[in-house]
N, C-alpha and C. Protein backbone atom coordinates (compact mmCIF):
# COMPACT_ATOMS: atom_id res chain seq x y z
N MET A 1 25.27 -16.62 -45.73
CA MET A 1 24.13 -15.88 -46.28
C MET A 1 24.79 -14.71 -45.07
N PRO A 2 24.55 -13.42 -45.29
CA PRO A 2 24.61 -12.26 -43.96
C PRO A 2 23.64 -11.97 -43.14
N ILE A 3 23.62 -11.89 -41.51
CA ILE A 3 22.82 -11.88 -41.05
C ILE A 3 22.45 -10.37 -41.39
N GLN A 4 21.48 -9.77 -40.72
CA GLN A 4 20.43 -8.45 -40.81
C GLN A 4 20.24 -8.47 -39.70
N LEU A 5 20.78 -7.40 -39.11
CA LEU A 5 20.24 -7.21 -37.81
C LEU A 5 19.59 -5.99 -37.72
N ARG A 6 18.60 -6.60 -37.09
CA ARG A 6 17.15 -5.31 -36.45
C ARG A 6 17.18 -4.85 -35.14
N GLY A 7 16.69 -3.70 -35.24
CA GLY A 7 16.66 -2.91 -34.75
C GLY A 7 15.29 -1.87 -34.53
N GLY A 8 15.01 -1.70 -33.21
CA GLY A 8 13.58 -0.28 -32.97
C GLY A 8 12.69 -1.13 -32.44
N ASN A 9 12.08 -0.49 -33.02
CA ASN A 9 10.65 -1.01 -32.88
C ASN A 9 10.65 -2.73 -32.95
N GLU A 10 11.20 -3.26 -34.18
CA GLU A 10 11.41 -4.84 -34.77
C GLU A 10 11.81 -6.00 -33.54
N LEU A 11 12.60 -4.98 -33.05
CA LEU A 11 13.01 -5.81 -31.66
C LEU A 11 12.03 -5.51 -29.96
N ILE A 12 11.51 -4.68 -30.13
CA ILE A 12 10.92 -4.20 -29.18
C ILE A 12 10.24 -3.03 -29.57
N ASP A 13 8.46 -3.60 -29.70
CA ASP A 13 7.66 -1.93 -30.01
C ASP A 13 7.29 -0.82 -28.50
N PRO A 14 8.18 0.10 -28.69
CA PRO A 14 7.39 0.41 -27.24
C PRO A 14 6.16 0.80 -26.97
N VAL A 15 5.65 0.88 -27.34
CA VAL A 15 4.34 1.64 -26.84
C VAL A 15 3.69 0.16 -26.99
N LYS A 16 3.77 -0.30 -27.87
CA LYS A 16 2.96 -2.12 -27.03
C LYS A 16 3.52 -2.16 -25.63
N LEU A 17 5.13 -2.15 -25.56
CA LEU A 17 5.50 -2.27 -24.06
C LEU A 17 5.27 -1.76 -23.42
N LEU A 18 4.64 -0.35 -23.75
CA LEU A 18 4.80 0.49 -22.26
C LEU A 18 2.92 0.30 -22.21
N GLU A 19 2.10 -0.17 -22.88
CA GLU A 19 0.69 -0.75 -22.59
C GLU A 19 0.78 -1.33 -21.65
N HIS A 20 1.78 -2.14 -21.42
CA HIS A 20 1.79 -3.55 -20.13
C HIS A 20 1.98 -2.43 -18.70
N GLY A 21 2.07 -1.83 -18.92
CA GLY A 21 2.29 -0.98 -17.19
C GLY A 21 1.28 0.35 -17.21
N LYS A 22 0.09 0.19 -17.95
CA LYS A 22 -0.90 0.72 -17.78
C LYS A 22 -1.22 2.24 -17.91
N ILE A 23 -0.11 2.49 -18.64
CA ILE A 23 0.07 4.23 -18.68
C ILE A 23 -1.16 5.24 -19.56
N ARG A 24 -1.21 6.03 -18.71
CA ARG A 24 -2.19 7.02 -19.24
C ARG A 24 -1.63 8.95 -18.80
N GLN A 25 -2.54 9.66 -19.22
CA GLN A 25 -2.08 10.61 -19.21
C GLN A 25 -1.81 11.09 -18.24
N GLY A 26 -1.00 12.05 -18.16
CA GLY A 26 -0.18 12.61 -16.92
C GLY A 26 0.71 12.20 -15.64
N PHE A 27 0.75 10.33 -16.00
CA PHE A 27 1.62 10.30 -15.48
C PHE A 27 2.93 10.41 -15.50
N ILE A 28 4.25 10.17 -14.36
CA ILE A 28 5.04 10.39 -14.17
C ILE A 28 6.10 8.85 -14.25
N ILE A 29 6.89 9.27 -15.09
CA ILE A 29 8.02 7.79 -15.70
C ILE A 29 9.24 8.58 -15.05
N ALA A 30 9.95 6.82 -14.87
CA ALA A 30 11.11 6.87 -14.68
C ALA A 30 12.26 6.02 -15.64
N ASP A 31 13.22 5.93 -16.16
CA ASP A 31 12.99 4.73 -17.64
C ASP A 31 14.69 5.28 -17.58
N LEU A 32 15.06 3.98 -16.44
CA LEU A 32 16.51 3.86 -15.35
C LEU A 32 17.16 3.19 -16.51
N GLY A 33 18.04 3.89 -16.87
CA GLY A 33 19.09 3.13 -17.79
C GLY A 33 18.45 3.31 -19.24
N CYS A 34 18.29 4.27 -19.30
CA CYS A 34 17.71 5.19 -20.88
C CYS A 34 18.15 4.77 -22.06
N GLY A 35 19.48 4.69 -22.04
CA GLY A 35 20.26 4.80 -23.57
C GLY A 35 20.04 5.88 -24.18
N ALA A 36 20.82 6.21 -25.63
CA ALA A 36 20.83 7.33 -25.91
C ALA A 36 19.84 7.54 -27.34
N ALA A 37 18.93 6.44 -28.09
CA ALA A 37 18.39 6.80 -28.25
C ALA A 37 16.77 6.85 -28.05
N GLY A 38 16.69 6.77 -26.97
CA GLY A 38 15.81 7.25 -26.06
C GLY A 38 13.98 6.49 -26.44
N HIS A 39 14.40 5.59 -26.87
CA HIS A 39 13.64 4.33 -27.53
C HIS A 39 12.41 4.74 -26.53
N PHE A 40 12.32 4.24 -25.28
CA PHE A 40 11.00 4.33 -24.54
C PHE A 40 11.13 5.37 -24.10
N VAL A 41 11.74 6.41 -24.08
CA VAL A 41 11.80 8.44 -23.22
C VAL A 41 10.86 8.50 -23.91
N PHE A 42 10.93 8.90 -25.42
CA PHE A 42 9.87 9.77 -26.42
C PHE A 42 9.18 8.81 -26.59
N PRO A 43 8.28 7.90 -27.02
CA PRO A 43 6.99 7.21 -26.75
C PRO A 43 6.55 7.71 -25.74
N ALA A 44 6.74 7.30 -24.68
CA ALA A 44 6.38 7.33 -23.24
C ALA A 44 5.81 9.21 -23.13
N ALA A 45 7.23 10.00 -23.09
CA ALA A 45 6.65 11.44 -23.15
C ALA A 45 5.00 11.31 -24.01
N HIS A 46 5.04 10.86 -25.05
CA HIS A 46 4.13 11.99 -25.54
C HIS A 46 2.37 11.11 -26.06
N LEU A 47 2.74 9.69 -24.71
CA LEU A 47 2.06 8.74 -24.24
C LEU A 47 1.49 9.86 -22.67
N VAL A 48 2.25 9.96 -22.53
CA VAL A 48 1.43 10.88 -20.52
C VAL A 48 1.15 12.10 -21.34
N GLY A 49 1.38 12.73 -22.07
CA GLY A 49 1.51 13.90 -22.53
C GLY A 49 1.85 15.40 -22.16
N PRO A 50 1.17 15.90 -22.36
CA PRO A 50 1.94 17.73 -21.48
C PRO A 50 2.24 17.48 -20.42
N GLN A 51 1.33 17.25 -19.65
CA GLN A 51 1.01 17.25 -18.08
C GLN A 51 1.36 15.82 -17.16
N GLY A 52 2.58 14.85 -17.90
CA GLY A 52 2.73 14.28 -17.23
C GLY A 52 4.55 14.59 -17.51
N LYS A 53 5.52 13.35 -17.20
CA LYS A 53 6.50 13.54 -17.02
C LYS A 53 7.14 12.44 -16.89
N VAL A 54 8.53 12.33 -18.12
CA VAL A 54 9.18 11.25 -18.64
C VAL A 54 10.73 12.01 -17.78
N TYR A 55 11.70 10.96 -16.64
CA TYR A 55 12.59 11.02 -16.51
C TYR A 55 13.82 10.27 -17.44
N ALA A 56 14.37 10.53 -17.74
CA ALA A 56 15.64 9.61 -18.73
C ALA A 56 16.76 9.79 -17.89
N VAL A 57 17.31 8.66 -17.42
CA VAL A 57 17.97 8.37 -16.10
C VAL A 57 19.60 7.45 -16.72
N ASP A 58 20.57 7.84 -17.35
CA ASP A 58 21.51 7.04 -17.19
C ASP A 58 22.60 7.87 -16.70
N LEU A 59 24.21 6.06 -16.75
CA LEU A 59 25.00 7.42 -15.90
C LEU A 59 25.52 7.76 -16.46
N LEU A 60 25.35 7.84 -18.46
CA LEU A 60 26.74 8.86 -19.09
C LEU A 60 26.07 9.85 -19.66
N LYS A 61 26.83 10.41 -19.32
CA LYS A 61 26.50 12.50 -19.95
C LYS A 61 26.50 12.45 -20.82
N SER A 62 26.82 10.80 -22.05
CA SER A 62 27.49 11.35 -23.29
C SER A 62 25.70 10.98 -23.49
N VAL A 63 24.71 9.79 -23.28
CA VAL A 63 23.47 9.46 -23.52
C VAL A 63 22.38 10.24 -22.70
N LEU A 64 22.51 11.74 -22.19
CA LEU A 64 21.50 12.65 -21.35
C LEU A 64 21.94 13.61 -22.93
N GLN A 65 23.40 13.84 -22.94
CA GLN A 65 22.73 14.76 -23.87
C GLN A 65 22.29 14.71 -25.47
N ALA A 66 22.62 13.43 -25.85
CA ALA A 66 21.77 12.54 -26.66
C ALA A 66 20.43 12.50 -26.48
N ILE A 67 19.60 12.46 -25.22
CA ILE A 67 18.67 12.99 -24.80
C ILE A 67 17.78 14.41 -25.09
N ASP A 68 18.55 14.99 -24.37
CA ASP A 68 18.35 16.50 -24.33
C ASP A 68 18.99 16.74 -26.09
N SER A 69 19.19 16.61 -26.86
CA SER A 69 19.56 17.30 -28.34
C SER A 69 18.47 16.69 -28.66
N ARG A 70 17.78 15.49 -28.41
CA ARG A 70 16.59 14.95 -29.43
C ARG A 70 14.98 15.22 -28.84
N ARG A 71 15.67 15.52 -27.91
CA ARG A 71 14.23 17.09 -27.24
C ARG A 71 13.78 18.18 -27.41
N LYS A 72 15.19 18.21 -27.69
CA LYS A 72 14.55 19.76 -28.80
C LYS A 72 14.32 19.78 -29.62
N LEU A 73 15.29 18.89 -30.59
CA LEU A 73 15.10 18.69 -32.10
C LEU A 73 13.22 18.42 -32.54
N GLU A 74 12.74 17.67 -31.51
CA GLU A 74 11.54 17.50 -31.37
C GLU A 74 10.37 18.43 -31.21
N GLY A 75 10.69 19.42 -30.07
CA GLY A 75 9.90 19.82 -29.55
C GLY A 75 9.42 19.26 -28.38
N VAL A 76 10.34 18.68 -27.32
CA VAL A 76 9.36 17.46 -26.38
C VAL A 76 10.12 18.03 -25.09
N ASP A 77 8.78 18.96 -24.22
CA ASP A 77 8.90 19.81 -23.05
C ASP A 77 9.18 18.95 -21.82
N ASN A 78 8.42 17.21 -21.61
CA ASN A 78 8.24 16.70 -21.02
C ASN A 78 9.42 16.21 -19.83
N VAL A 79 10.12 15.49 -20.97
CA VAL A 79 11.53 14.80 -20.47
C VAL A 79 12.70 15.33 -19.62
N ASP A 80 13.19 14.98 -18.76
CA ASP A 80 14.12 15.37 -17.99
C ASP A 80 15.29 14.72 -17.68
N GLY A 81 16.13 14.82 -18.57
CA GLY A 81 18.15 14.04 -17.99
C GLY A 81 18.03 14.01 -16.31
N ILE A 82 18.04 13.03 -16.28
CA ILE A 82 19.38 12.97 -14.93
C ILE A 82 19.90 11.85 -14.85
N TRP A 83 21.31 12.48 -14.22
CA TRP A 83 22.64 11.67 -14.48
C TRP A 83 22.69 11.04 -13.26
N ALA A 84 23.12 9.52 -12.63
CA ALA A 84 22.70 9.28 -11.93
C ALA A 84 23.61 7.48 -12.07
N ASP A 85 23.93 7.34 -10.62
CA ASP A 85 24.24 5.82 -10.86
C ASP A 85 23.51 5.21 -10.16
N LEU A 86 23.23 3.96 -11.01
CA LEU A 86 21.72 3.38 -10.62
C LEU A 86 22.37 2.34 -9.61
N GLU A 87 24.12 2.18 -8.97
CA GLU A 87 23.96 0.61 -8.96
C GLU A 87 24.20 1.43 -7.28
N ARG A 88 24.12 2.25 -7.29
CA ARG A 88 24.30 3.74 -5.50
C ARG A 88 22.77 3.79 -4.80
N ALA A 89 22.57 2.92 -3.61
CA ALA A 89 21.57 3.36 -2.89
C ALA A 89 21.61 5.53 -3.03
N GLY A 90 20.24 5.92 -3.21
CA GLY A 90 19.97 7.00 -3.36
C GLY A 90 20.55 8.05 -4.90
N GLY A 91 20.70 6.76 -5.58
CA GLY A 91 21.91 7.57 -6.76
C GLY A 91 21.72 8.29 -7.33
N MET A 92 20.00 8.13 -7.49
CA MET A 92 19.28 8.85 -8.31
C MET A 92 18.48 10.15 -7.36
N ARG A 93 18.63 11.43 -8.05
CA ARG A 93 17.17 12.72 -7.64
C ARG A 93 16.12 12.71 -8.39
N ILE A 94 15.84 11.47 -7.65
CA ILE A 94 14.08 11.78 -8.01
C ILE A 94 13.25 11.66 -7.13
N ALA A 95 11.50 12.08 -5.93
CA ALA A 95 11.73 11.95 -4.82
C ALA A 95 11.31 10.52 -4.77
N ASP A 96 11.52 10.36 -3.60
CA ASP A 96 10.50 9.09 -3.23
C ASP A 96 9.28 8.53 -2.86
N SER A 97 8.94 7.72 -3.76
CA SER A 97 7.39 7.45 -4.30
C SER A 97 6.78 9.14 -5.32
N SER A 98 7.51 9.37 -6.21
CA SER A 98 6.89 10.35 -7.38
C SER A 98 7.03 8.99 -8.56
N VAL A 99 6.92 8.21 -9.06
CA VAL A 99 6.34 8.28 -9.82
C VAL A 99 5.70 6.98 -9.91
N ASP A 100 4.30 7.11 -10.73
CA ASP A 100 3.36 6.53 -11.47
C ASP A 100 4.00 4.75 -12.06
N LEU A 101 5.60 4.88 -12.41
CA LEU A 101 5.75 3.74 -14.00
C LEU A 101 7.39 3.86 -13.93
N SER A 102 8.05 2.68 -13.69
CA SER A 102 9.62 2.47 -13.41
C SER A 102 9.70 1.61 -14.83
N LEU A 103 10.74 2.29 -15.22
CA LEU A 103 11.11 1.07 -16.32
C LEU A 103 12.51 0.61 -16.32
N LEU A 104 12.50 -0.16 -16.02
CA LEU A 104 14.28 -1.00 -16.21
C LEU A 104 14.22 -2.09 -17.60
N LEU A 105 14.21 -1.73 -18.67
CA LEU A 105 14.33 -2.44 -20.15
C LEU A 105 15.76 -2.38 -21.09
N ASN A 106 16.04 -3.73 -21.19
CA ASN A 106 17.71 -3.77 -22.07
C ASN A 106 18.76 -3.32 -20.68
N THR A 107 18.13 -3.17 -20.13
CA THR A 107 19.24 -2.73 -18.06
C THR A 107 19.90 -3.86 -17.41
N LEU A 108 19.15 -4.88 -17.00
CA LEU A 108 19.24 -5.32 -15.98
C LEU A 108 20.77 -6.35 -16.04
N PHE A 109 20.58 -7.02 -17.69
CA PHE A 109 22.14 -7.76 -17.92
C PHE A 109 23.29 -6.55 -17.89
N GLN A 110 23.20 -5.66 -18.32
CA GLN A 110 24.06 -5.15 -18.17
C GLN A 110 25.07 -3.81 -16.11
N ILE A 111 23.77 -4.01 -15.60
CA ILE A 111 24.23 -4.11 -14.09
C ILE A 111 24.84 -5.10 -12.87
N LYS A 112 25.43 -4.65 -12.78
CA LYS A 112 26.37 -5.93 -11.75
C LYS A 112 25.45 -6.32 -10.25
N ASP A 113 25.29 -4.68 -10.08
CA ASP A 113 24.21 -4.65 -8.57
C ASP A 113 22.78 -4.33 -9.24
N LYS A 114 22.70 -5.84 -9.39
CA LYS A 114 21.57 -5.64 -9.38
C LYS A 114 20.14 -5.66 -8.08
N ALA A 115 19.98 -5.84 -7.13
CA ALA A 115 19.76 -5.48 -6.00
C ALA A 115 19.47 -4.01 -5.81
N THR A 116 20.46 -2.93 -5.62
CA THR A 116 20.59 -1.80 -5.68
C THR A 116 19.16 -0.48 -6.72
N ILE A 117 19.92 -1.64 -7.92
CA ILE A 117 19.38 -0.46 -8.75
C ILE A 117 17.55 -1.15 -8.41
N VAL A 118 16.73 -2.40 -8.28
CA VAL A 118 15.96 -2.89 -7.61
C VAL A 118 15.45 -1.84 -6.82
N ARG A 119 16.35 -2.09 -5.59
CA ARG A 119 15.27 -1.16 -5.03
C ARG A 119 15.43 0.37 -5.11
N GLU A 120 16.35 0.93 -5.45
CA GLU A 120 16.16 2.62 -5.74
C GLU A 120 14.63 2.59 -6.78
N ALA A 121 14.61 1.26 -7.55
CA ALA A 121 13.29 1.12 -8.76
C ALA A 121 11.90 1.61 -7.94
N ALA A 122 12.32 0.55 -6.01
CA ALA A 122 11.10 0.60 -5.39
C ALA A 122 11.00 1.96 -4.80
N ARG A 123 11.86 1.98 -4.39
CA ARG A 123 12.25 3.64 -3.41
C ARG A 123 11.96 4.99 -4.11
N ILE A 124 11.52 5.16 -5.62
CA ILE A 124 10.89 6.31 -6.35
C ILE A 124 9.38 5.72 -6.51
N THR A 125 9.49 4.29 -6.37
CA THR A 125 7.63 4.47 -7.11
C THR A 125 6.79 4.36 -6.60
N LYS A 126 5.79 4.89 -6.65
CA LYS A 126 4.45 5.10 -5.80
C LYS A 126 3.84 3.68 -5.31
N SER A 127 2.56 3.63 -4.26
CA SER A 127 2.16 2.48 -4.11
C SER A 127 1.55 2.91 -4.82
N SER A 128 1.47 1.03 -5.29
CA SER A 128 0.14 0.81 -6.52
C SER A 128 0.94 0.78 -7.56
N GLY A 129 1.98 1.51 -7.64
CA GLY A 129 2.81 2.07 -9.13
C GLY A 129 3.30 0.90 -9.84
N MET A 130 3.57 0.97 -10.72
CA MET A 130 3.90 -0.15 -11.45
C MET A 130 5.32 -0.21 -12.04
N LEU A 131 6.40 -1.69 -12.71
CA LEU A 131 7.48 -1.72 -12.63
C LEU A 131 7.23 -2.31 -13.95
N LEU A 132 8.04 -1.61 -15.16
CA LEU A 132 8.29 -2.40 -16.55
C LEU A 132 9.67 -3.13 -16.35
N VAL A 133 9.57 -4.74 -16.84
CA VAL A 133 11.52 -4.96 -16.66
C VAL A 133 11.14 -5.53 -18.32
N ALA A 134 12.66 -5.11 -18.98
CA ALA A 134 11.75 -6.19 -20.35
C ALA A 134 13.35 -6.49 -20.35
N ASP A 135 13.61 -7.82 -20.57
CA ASP A 135 15.35 -8.51 -20.89
C ASP A 135 15.44 -9.65 -21.57
N TRP A 136 16.96 -9.50 -22.68
CA TRP A 136 16.92 -10.22 -23.37
C TRP A 136 16.54 -12.22 -23.06
N LYS A 137 15.73 -12.73 -23.48
CA LYS A 137 15.69 -14.38 -23.50
C LYS A 137 16.86 -14.85 -22.98
N MET A 138 17.23 -15.77 -22.18
CA MET A 138 18.71 -17.14 -21.66
C MET A 138 18.61 -18.34 -23.27
N THR A 139 18.18 -17.30 -24.56
CA THR A 139 18.34 -18.42 -25.79
C THR A 139 19.07 -17.81 -26.40
N GLN A 140 20.19 -18.44 -27.01
CA GLN A 140 21.57 -17.31 -27.98
C GLN A 140 20.51 -17.09 -29.49
N ALA A 141 20.62 -15.60 -29.30
CA ALA A 141 20.65 -15.55 -30.58
C ALA A 141 21.58 -14.20 -31.52
N PRO A 142 21.72 -13.97 -32.85
CA PRO A 142 22.54 -13.89 -34.16
C PRO A 142 23.48 -12.13 -33.03
N PHE A 143 22.57 -11.64 -32.15
CA PHE A 143 23.12 -10.19 -31.89
C PHE A 143 22.99 -10.07 -30.26
N GLY A 144 23.45 -8.90 -29.62
CA GLY A 144 22.81 -8.89 -28.28
C GLY A 144 23.66 -9.88 -27.75
N PRO A 145 23.40 -9.55 -25.88
CA PRO A 145 24.61 -9.97 -25.19
C PRO A 145 24.76 -11.45 -24.90
N PRO A 146 26.01 -12.07 -24.61
CA PRO A 146 25.90 -13.67 -24.96
C PRO A 146 25.16 -14.39 -23.79
N VAL A 147 24.80 -15.11 -23.71
CA VAL A 147 23.43 -15.58 -22.88
C VAL A 147 24.57 -15.92 -21.69
N GLU A 148 25.72 -15.63 -21.32
CA GLU A 148 25.61 -16.19 -19.93
C GLU A 148 25.63 -14.39 -19.08
N LYS A 149 25.38 -13.25 -20.29
CA LYS A 149 25.56 -11.81 -18.99
C LYS A 149 24.21 -12.00 -19.24
N ARG A 150 22.91 -12.62 -19.26
CA ARG A 150 21.65 -12.68 -19.79
C ARG A 150 21.41 -12.31 -18.30
N VAL A 151 20.23 -12.12 -17.90
CA VAL A 151 19.54 -12.28 -16.58
C VAL A 151 18.52 -13.25 -16.67
N ASP A 152 18.21 -14.37 -16.04
CA ASP A 152 17.15 -14.91 -15.97
C ASP A 152 16.13 -14.12 -15.14
N PRO A 153 14.77 -14.64 -16.01
CA PRO A 153 13.21 -14.25 -15.93
C PRO A 153 12.98 -14.79 -14.45
N ILE A 154 13.11 -15.71 -13.63
CA ILE A 154 13.15 -16.54 -12.71
C ILE A 154 13.82 -15.48 -11.47
N GLN A 155 15.67 -15.64 -11.54
CA GLN A 155 15.92 -14.25 -10.14
C GLN A 155 15.04 -13.17 -10.36
N VAL A 156 14.94 -12.54 -11.90
CA VAL A 156 14.47 -10.87 -12.12
C VAL A 156 12.72 -11.14 -11.02
N LYS A 157 12.39 -11.78 -11.06
CA LYS A 157 11.16 -12.21 -10.71
C LYS A 157 11.19 -12.55 -8.96
N SER A 158 12.00 -12.95 -8.62
CA SER A 158 12.28 -13.18 -7.83
C SER A 158 13.19 -12.10 -6.86
N LEU A 159 13.98 -11.76 -7.47
CA LEU A 159 14.72 -10.49 -6.93
C LEU A 159 13.32 -9.32 -6.91
N ILE A 160 12.67 -9.00 -7.93
CA ILE A 160 12.13 -7.53 -7.98
C ILE A 160 10.78 -7.64 -6.87
N GLN A 161 9.86 -9.27 -6.91
CA GLN A 161 9.63 -9.64 -5.73
C GLN A 161 9.75 -8.90 -3.90
N SER A 162 11.16 -9.32 -3.96
CA SER A 162 11.60 -9.20 -2.56
C SER A 162 12.23 -7.22 -2.48
N ALA A 163 11.28 -6.91 -3.20
CA ALA A 163 11.61 -5.38 -2.63
C ALA A 163 10.47 -4.85 -3.24
N ASP A 164 9.20 -5.46 -2.22
CA ASP A 164 8.28 -5.12 -2.10
C ASP A 164 6.70 -4.64 -3.58
N PHE A 165 7.57 -5.77 -4.84
CA PHE A 165 6.36 -5.48 -5.82
C PHE A 165 5.77 -6.97 -5.97
N GLU A 166 4.84 -7.08 -6.77
CA GLU A 166 4.24 -7.98 -6.91
C GLU A 166 4.17 -8.91 -8.36
N LEU A 167 4.44 -9.48 -9.02
CA LEU A 167 3.81 -9.64 -10.22
C LEU A 167 2.55 -9.70 -10.90
N VAL A 168 2.50 -9.33 -11.97
CA VAL A 168 0.80 -8.89 -12.49
C VAL A 168 0.98 -9.52 -13.73
N GLU A 169 2.29 -9.80 -14.13
CA GLU A 169 2.06 -10.29 -15.76
C GLU A 169 3.39 -10.97 -15.83
N GLU A 170 3.20 -11.64 -17.40
CA GLU A 170 4.37 -12.48 -17.89
C GLU A 170 4.18 -12.08 -19.65
N PHE A 171 4.47 -11.31 -20.54
CA PHE A 171 4.26 -11.16 -21.79
C PHE A 171 5.71 -11.37 -22.28
N GLU A 172 5.50 -11.80 -23.65
CA GLU A 172 6.44 -11.44 -25.02
C GLU A 172 7.07 -10.22 -24.80
N ALA A 173 7.93 -9.60 -24.90
CA ALA A 173 7.91 -7.80 -25.05
C ALA A 173 8.72 -7.72 -26.46
N GLY A 174 8.91 -8.82 -27.17
CA GLY A 174 9.37 -9.05 -28.33
C GLY A 174 10.54 -10.43 -29.35
N PRO A 175 10.84 -10.51 -30.03
CA PRO A 175 11.27 -12.07 -30.63
C PRO A 175 12.12 -12.56 -30.09
N TYR A 176 12.55 -11.80 -28.79
CA TYR A 176 14.28 -12.45 -28.52
C TYR A 176 14.35 -11.53 -27.04
N HIS A 177 13.09 -10.77 -26.58
CA HIS A 177 13.45 -10.66 -24.95
C HIS A 177 12.08 -10.64 -24.67
N TYR A 178 12.07 -10.74 -23.21
CA TYR A 178 10.63 -11.11 -21.87
C TYR A 178 10.35 -10.01 -21.46
N GLY A 179 8.83 -10.65 -21.00
CA GLY A 179 8.70 -9.06 -20.23
C GLY A 179 7.45 -9.21 -19.06
N LEU A 180 7.93 -8.49 -17.82
CA LEU A 180 7.23 -8.32 -16.68
C LEU A 180 6.90 -7.42 -16.45
N ALA A 181 5.45 -7.25 -16.00
CA ALA A 181 4.78 -5.72 -15.20
C ALA A 181 4.92 -6.33 -14.07
N PHE A 182 4.93 -5.67 -12.93
CA PHE A 182 5.29 -5.59 -11.53
C PHE A 182 4.48 -4.66 -11.25
N ARG A 183 3.46 -5.13 -9.92
CA ARG A 183 2.40 -3.56 -9.52
C ARG A 183 3.27 -3.52 -7.66
N LYS A 184 3.71 -1.95 -7.54
CA LYS A 184 4.25 -1.75 -5.86
C LYS A 184 3.13 -2.41 -4.66
N ILE A 185 3.48 -2.58 -3.61
CA ILE A 185 2.87 -3.45 -3.26
C ILE A 185 2.83 -1.86 -1.51
């Protein structure tokens, strides 16, 4: 029997996930490692409304070109693509303490220098702002990264709490993903 690959909302429903970030109209959001599909970028842009803004941050310029094409196609005016090396301190052009909600969604398993990306998230997130993390569970699945490349949520909690965030919620982000919500202290 062939494996049926799932995608999009079957893996993680972006609106349900964003609700854990206490998202509101007018919020400024940074999706760190946004990916070409903008799976979280565009739902976030609609949820924050015209007074809000979503920074779609990625290292790959082709990803940012795809985001910009979709932004134009959908007529979305509150998404800005930002090229950044997320593993370099100060590598992203977003002002300190300017973001209400930072997102690390399906990103940490791809990052070698996890401490730097977490410090960058802390740098840009406002005091009392939120950080949402969703990544692959530590169990074998018919798709996704190998288990040895996945990031244990216990390690993620420790790393993020050491960057002046407090854990406020653990949740199921989807059938193959865990979710963690943090508030900046």
